[in-house]
Protein backbone atom coordinates (compact mmCIF):
# COMPACT_ATOMS: atom_id res chain seq x y z
CA MET A 1 94.51 88.33 109.84
CA ASP A 2 95.45 87.93 113.51
CA ASN A 3 93.22 88.98 116.41
CA LEU A 4 95.63 91.67 117.59
CA THR A 5 95.44 93.47 114.24
CA ILE A 6 91.65 93.20 114.16
CA THR A 7 91.42 94.61 117.69
CA LYS A 8 93.68 97.51 116.77
CA LEU A 9 91.66 98.33 113.65
CA LYS A 10 88.36 98.20 115.52
CA ALA A 11 89.76 100.57 118.14
CA LEU A 12 90.93 103.00 115.43
CA ILE A 13 87.50 102.99 113.77
CA ASP A 14 85.72 103.49 117.10
CA GLU A 15 87.97 106.42 118.02
CA ASN A 16 87.61 108.30 114.72
CA ALA A 17 84.36 109.66 113.36
CA ASN A 18 86.07 111.15 110.29
CA ILE A 19 87.62 108.44 108.09
CA GLY A 20 89.26 108.64 104.67
CA ILE A 21 89.75 105.98 102.01
CA ALA A 22 92.38 106.62 99.34
CA VAL A 23 92.87 104.80 96.01
CA GLY A 24 95.69 105.37 93.53
CA LYS A 25 95.37 106.75 90.03
CA ASN A 26 93.43 104.78 87.42
CA PRO A 27 92.23 102.04 89.79
CA GLY A 28 90.79 98.83 88.40
CA ILE A 29 87.64 97.01 89.46
CA ASP A 30 89.50 95.13 92.20
CA GLU A 31 90.94 98.25 93.85
CA MET A 32 87.89 100.47 93.43
CA GLY A 33 85.43 97.69 94.30
CA ALA A 34 87.29 97.01 97.55
CA ALA A 35 87.55 100.70 98.45
CA LEU A 36 83.87 101.39 97.76
CA ALA A 37 82.82 98.31 99.74
CA LEU A 38 84.79 99.60 102.74
CA TYR A 39 83.26 103.05 102.21
CA LEU A 40 79.72 101.64 102.26
CA ALA A 41 80.38 99.40 105.27
CA LEU A 42 81.88 102.22 107.36
CA SER A 43 79.13 104.65 106.34
CA GLN A 44 76.55 102.21 107.69
CA GLU A 45 78.34 102.44 111.04
CA GLY A 46 77.54 106.15 111.19
CA LYS A 47 81.04 107.30 110.26
CA LYS A 48 81.71 110.33 108.09
CA VAL A 49 83.67 108.70 105.27
CA THR A 50 85.37 110.32 102.30
CA ILE A 51 86.73 108.25 99.42
CA ALA A 52 89.23 109.90 97.10
CA SER A 53 91.28 109.12 94.01
CA PRO A 54 93.52 111.49 92.02
CA SER A 55 92.01 110.51 88.65
CA GLU A 56 88.49 110.43 87.25
CA PRO A 57 86.86 106.99 87.46
CA ILE A 58 87.31 105.06 84.21
CA VAL A 59 84.44 103.40 82.34
CA LYS A 60 85.08 99.85 83.54
CA VAL A 61 84.43 100.81 87.19
CA SER A 62 81.28 102.81 86.43
CA SER A 63 78.95 99.95 87.40
CA LEU A 64 80.26 99.72 90.98
CA VAL A 65 77.88 100.87 93.72
CA GLY A 66 78.88 104.26 95.13
CA ILE A 67 81.19 105.29 92.29
CA ASP A 68 79.54 108.73 92.28
CA LYS A 69 80.89 109.33 95.80
CA VAL A 70 84.55 109.31 94.74
CA LYS A 71 86.26 112.70 95.07
CA LYS A 72 89.70 114.03 94.21
CA GLY A 73 90.72 114.94 97.73
CA PHE A 74 89.79 114.89 101.39
CA ASP A 75 89.33 118.64 101.79
CA GLN A 76 86.54 119.41 99.34
CA ASP A 77 83.57 119.32 101.71
CA GLN A 78 85.21 119.69 105.09
CA GLY A 79 87.77 121.74 106.96
CA ASP A 80 88.18 125.44 107.67
CA LEU A 81 87.99 128.24 105.12
CA THR A 82 90.92 130.61 105.36
CA VAL A 83 90.86 134.11 103.83
CA SER A 84 94.35 135.53 103.30
CA PHE A 85 95.55 138.98 102.22
CA PRO A 86 98.78 141.00 102.56
CA TYR A 87 99.20 142.93 105.81
CA LYS A 88 101.35 145.88 106.87
CA GLU A 89 101.64 146.99 110.45
CA GLY A 90 99.18 149.78 111.31
CA GLU A 91 97.04 149.76 108.14
CA ILE A 92 94.11 147.83 109.63
CA GLU A 93 92.14 149.36 112.47
CA LYS A 94 89.82 146.42 113.16
CA ILE A 95 88.08 143.41 111.59
CA SER A 96 84.39 142.66 112.14
CA TYR A 97 81.49 140.93 110.38
CA THR A 98 77.81 141.40 109.67
CA LEU A 99 74.99 139.03 108.64
CA GLU A 100 72.74 140.25 105.84
CA ASP A 101 70.27 138.20 103.79
CA GLY A 102 71.90 134.94 104.75
CA LYS A 103 75.38 136.16 103.87
CA LEU A 104 78.39 136.67 106.12
CA ASN A 105 80.25 139.90 105.38
CA ILE A 106 83.76 140.27 106.75
CA LEU A 107 84.65 143.93 107.25
CA VAL A 108 88.27 145.04 107.24
CA LYS A 109 88.34 148.63 108.50
CA ALA A 110 91.32 150.55 107.26
CA SER A 111 93.34 152.88 109.46
CA GLU A 112 94.42 156.38 108.45
CA LEU A 113 97.26 154.78 106.49
CA GLY A 114 94.79 152.99 104.20
CA LEU A 115 94.97 149.46 102.82
CA SER A 116 97.87 148.50 100.60
CA PHE A 117 95.96 145.66 98.89
CA ASP A 118 92.77 145.18 96.90
CA GLU A 119 90.37 142.31 96.19
CA ASN A 120 92.75 140.78 93.61
CA ASN A 121 95.24 140.02 96.40
CA ILE A 122 92.76 138.03 98.52
CA LEU A 123 93.29 134.25 98.62
CA TYR A 124 90.89 131.52 99.78
CA SER A 125 91.93 128.07 100.96
CA ARG A 126 90.43 125.16 102.82
CA GLY A 127 92.20 122.84 105.19
CA GLY A 128 92.34 121.47 108.67
CA GLY A 129 89.70 118.84 107.87
CA ALA A 130 91.96 115.92 106.98
CA PRO A 131 90.61 112.61 108.30
CA LYS A 132 92.46 111.24 111.31
CA LEU A 133 92.23 107.68 109.99
CA VAL A 134 93.03 106.90 106.34
CA PHE A 135 92.82 103.52 104.61
CA VAL A 136 95.01 103.30 101.50
CA VAL A 137 93.56 100.47 99.38
CA GLY A 138 95.42 98.56 96.66
CA THR A 139 98.05 101.25 96.09
CA PRO A 140 101.72 100.11 96.11
CA ARG A 141 103.34 103.57 96.09
CA VAL A 142 102.56 106.85 97.83
CA SER A 143 103.31 108.66 94.58
CA ASP A 144 100.30 106.90 92.98
CA LEU A 145 98.00 108.90 95.27
CA GLY A 146 99.01 112.27 93.80
CA ARG A 147 97.46 115.26 95.60
CA VAL A 148 95.18 112.97 97.62
CA PHE A 149 98.11 112.18 99.90
CA SER A 150 99.50 115.37 101.38
CA PRO A 151 102.23 114.65 103.97
CA GLN A 152 101.61 118.02 105.61
CA ALA A 153 97.82 117.65 105.80
CA LEU A 154 97.99 114.01 106.93
CA LYS A 155 100.91 114.33 109.34
CA ASP A 156 98.60 113.68 112.31
CA SER A 157 96.60 110.93 110.59
CA THR A 158 96.95 107.18 111.08
CA ILE A 159 97.61 105.50 107.72
CA VAL A 160 96.50 101.90 107.15
CA ASN A 161 98.10 100.34 104.05
CA ILE A 162 96.08 97.40 102.62
CA ASP A 163 97.46 95.59 99.56
CA TYR A 164 98.59 92.21 98.19
CA ARG A 165 101.19 93.22 95.62
CA GLU A 166 104.82 92.28 96.03
CA ASN A 167 106.02 95.74 94.99
CA ASN A 168 104.15 97.54 97.79
CA GLN A 169 106.53 99.98 99.47
CA GLY A 170 105.27 99.16 102.97
CA PHE A 171 104.38 102.74 103.92
CA GLY A 172 101.94 103.69 106.66
CA ASP A 173 101.46 103.22 110.40
CA LEU A 174 99.69 99.87 110.03
CA VAL A 175 100.82 97.78 107.06
CA LEU A 176 98.54 94.93 105.97
CA VAL A 177 100.27 93.53 102.88
CA SER A 178 99.60 89.83 102.20
CA LYS A 179 101.60 88.75 99.15
CA ASN A 180 100.11 85.24 99.10
CA LEU A 181 96.61 86.49 98.31
CA SER A 182 95.16 87.18 94.88
CA SER A 183 93.08 90.36 95.32
CA VAL A 184 92.64 93.32 97.60
CA SER A 185 88.88 92.70 97.47
CA GLU A 186 89.22 89.39 99.29
CA MET A 187 91.38 91.17 101.90
CA ILE A 188 88.75 93.86 102.48
CA ALA A 189 86.02 91.21 102.58
CA SER A 190 87.91 89.27 105.24
CA LEU A 191 88.58 92.50 107.14
CA ILE A 192 84.91 93.55 107.13
CA VAL A 193 83.79 90.09 108.26
CA SER A 194 86.42 89.92 111.01
CA MET A 195 85.41 93.31 112.43
CA GLY A 196 81.73 92.42 112.36
CA LEU A 197 80.73 95.22 109.99
CA LYS A 198 77.50 94.91 108.06
CA ILE A 199 77.63 93.41 104.57
CA ASP A 200 74.58 94.12 102.44
CA MET A 201 74.01 93.30 98.77
CA ASP A 202 75.81 96.43 97.55
CA VAL A 203 78.93 95.74 99.63
CA ALA A 204 78.91 92.07 98.60
CA SER A 205 78.46 92.88 94.91
CA ASN A 206 81.38 95.32 94.83
CA LEU A 207 83.67 92.82 96.54
CA MET A 208 82.58 89.96 94.30
CA SER A 209 83.22 92.04 91.18
CA GLY A 210 86.72 92.81 92.42
CA ILE A 211 87.56 89.19 93.23
CA ILE A 212 86.28 87.93 89.89
CA MET A 213 88.28 90.51 87.95
CA ALA A 214 91.51 89.98 89.90
CA THR A 215 91.36 86.18 89.61
CA ASP A 216 90.21 86.08 85.97
CA ASN A 217 86.91 84.54 87.03
CA PHE A 218 88.78 82.16 89.41
CA GLN A 219 90.84 80.71 86.54
CA SER A 220 94.14 82.32 87.48
CA ALA A 221 96.77 79.97 88.88
CA LYS A 222 97.39 82.54 91.64
CA THR A 223 93.81 82.38 92.92
CA SER A 224 94.06 81.92 96.69
CA PRO A 225 91.88 79.72 98.94
CA LEU A 226 90.65 82.88 100.68
CA SER A 227 89.14 84.17 97.44
CA PHE A 228 86.93 81.06 97.16
CA GLU A 229 85.99 81.27 100.82
CA MET A 230 85.03 84.93 100.59
CA ALA A 231 83.21 84.43 97.28
CA ALA A 232 80.99 81.76 98.85
CA PHE A 233 80.25 84.05 101.79
CA LEU A 234 79.47 87.02 99.53
CA MET A 235 77.10 84.94 97.42
CA LYS A 236 75.17 84.14 100.59
CA LYS A 237 74.92 87.90 101.17
CA GLY A 238 73.32 88.47 97.77
CA ALA A 239 76.27 88.92 95.43
CA THR A 240 75.98 87.25 92.06
CA ARG A 241 78.83 85.75 90.09
CA GLN A 242 78.89 87.29 86.63
CA ALA A 243 79.22 84.85 83.76
CA PRO A 244 82.10 85.26 81.28
CA ASP A 245 81.42 87.42 78.25
CA ILE A 246 80.27 84.98 75.56
CA ASN A 247 80.93 87.59 72.87
CA LYS A 248 84.58 87.80 73.83
CA LYS A 249 86.81 86.51 71.07
CA PRO A 250 88.77 83.42 72.06
CA GLU A 251 92.41 83.94 72.88
CA ILE A 252 94.77 82.78 70.16
CA LEU A 253 97.55 80.65 71.57
CA GLN A 254 100.66 79.28 69.89
CA GLY A 255 100.80 75.66 68.74
CA ASP A 256 98.53 73.43 66.68
CA GLU A 257 96.83 71.91 69.69
CA ALA A 258 96.43 75.14 71.73
CA TYR A 259 92.99 76.53 72.30
CA SER A 260 91.48 79.06 74.67
CA PHE A 261 89.13 78.39 77.57
CA PHE A 262 86.14 79.62 75.58
CA ALA A 263 87.00 77.82 72.32
CA PRO A 264 86.21 74.12 71.91
CA PRO A 265 89.22 71.83 71.48
CA LYS A 266 90.01 70.37 68.11
CA GLN A 267 88.24 67.08 67.52
CA PRO A 268 90.71 64.22 67.12
CA LYS A 269 90.45 62.27 63.90
CA ASN A 270 89.21 58.73 64.12
CA ASP A 271 91.19 55.79 62.77
CA ASP A 272 89.41 55.79 59.39
CA GLN A 273 90.07 59.49 58.90
CA LYS A 274 93.72 59.06 59.84
CA ALA A 275 94.10 56.14 57.46
CA THR A 276 92.44 58.03 54.63
CA ALA A 277 94.60 61.06 55.14
CA PHE A 278 97.74 58.93 55.29
CA ALA A 279 96.83 57.01 52.14
CA LYS A 280 95.99 60.19 50.26
CA LYS A 281 99.28 61.75 51.24
CA ALA A 282 101.14 58.62 50.18
CA ILE A 283 99.66 58.36 46.69
CA GLU A 284 99.73 62.06 45.78
CA PRO A 285 103.02 63.12 44.13
CA LYS A 286 104.67 66.16 45.66
CA ASP A 287 105.36 67.61 42.22
CA ALA A 288 103.41 66.68 39.11
CA ALA A 289 106.40 67.49 36.92
CA PHE A 290 108.41 64.71 38.54
CA ALA A 291 105.57 62.19 38.77
CA LYS A 292 106.59 58.80 37.36
CA ASP A 293 104.64 56.74 34.88
CA SER A 294 102.02 54.79 36.79
CA SER A 295 102.81 51.71 34.71
CA GLU A 296 106.31 51.44 36.19
CA PRO A 297 106.57 49.42 39.36
CA THR A 298 107.30 51.79 42.20
CA GLU A 299 106.70 51.86 45.93
CA ASP A 300 103.52 53.80 45.29
CA ASN A 301 102.40 51.55 42.37
CA PRO A 302 103.54 47.93 42.98
CA PRO A 303 103.11 45.17 40.36
CA ASP A 304 99.66 43.60 40.11
CA ASP A 305 100.83 40.25 41.46
CA TRP A 306 102.49 41.94 44.45
CA LEU A 307 99.17 42.14 46.23
CA ALA A 308 98.10 38.55 45.29
CA PRO A 309 98.08 35.87 48.02
CA LYS A 310 101.40 34.14 48.46
CA ILE A 311 101.75 30.36 48.95
CA TYR A 312 104.78 29.33 50.87
CA LYS A 313 106.52 26.20 49.59
CA GLY A 314 109.15 24.63 51.73
CA SER A 315 111.26 21.50 51.58
CA THR A 316 111.02 20.60 55.23
CA THR A 317 109.47 17.19 55.77
CA ILE A 318 107.19 16.83 58.76
């Protein structure tokens, strides 16, 4: 990531106290681990951060630190409350409020014409609290964000798109899509390090979990050099590399000699075993019904003198 991009991101974070992090529907450990790591790192900088996803967190991401902070939108705990009701010219004389027992009472005083609506016509809505800076993490399409991404509510927000997938649509004001990398977790790790944000054990553990999952425990052929570099750094910060599940059944591959990573290879037969198997196959008839009399000289049963030592007699005089 170039210095100009890092400088721009640091300026955006410094300028905005209210920051949002958005993740698409049904995120995996890589996407959610990266988003939560960024959430924790920015929160430690004193920022008011909201992380949102349109779907409920699935079981496999439940062990990530901060998963209980994920919401379904950016307007649940912030923004203005608007009370709406029908209005006809001249039916309201004035509006006032009173404070009683810790409650705010809004008084709508009717004119001589009376009010044409009742309490069933009153609507409540919240808005106006959309974060001015939004990081969209590991989400190729805007449609994957569902109601989290409202074009009207976020029209004045700066959108930072961070992803590594080739099918990313390239939306946002600042697009950080690196197709040569192998996980969004390694991208967020590099971003946090480059901006000098604090990485504690929780941040490191979330990022490590994401990298391990995305790279198939570093066995994927697409594993990038950056993933190894970031993994080493995260381990220094307290992250632990989880061992493969030993109870996982080995993958069944095609072919006699194929075996999975977790299954031991077939042991090659030694020369004696090969010879024995070959001899046994040679002397056993394929079909007993067509087996020949063993007394007849055949290729399988040669005459007794066939195996006796042979003495060569020649007429050549030395």
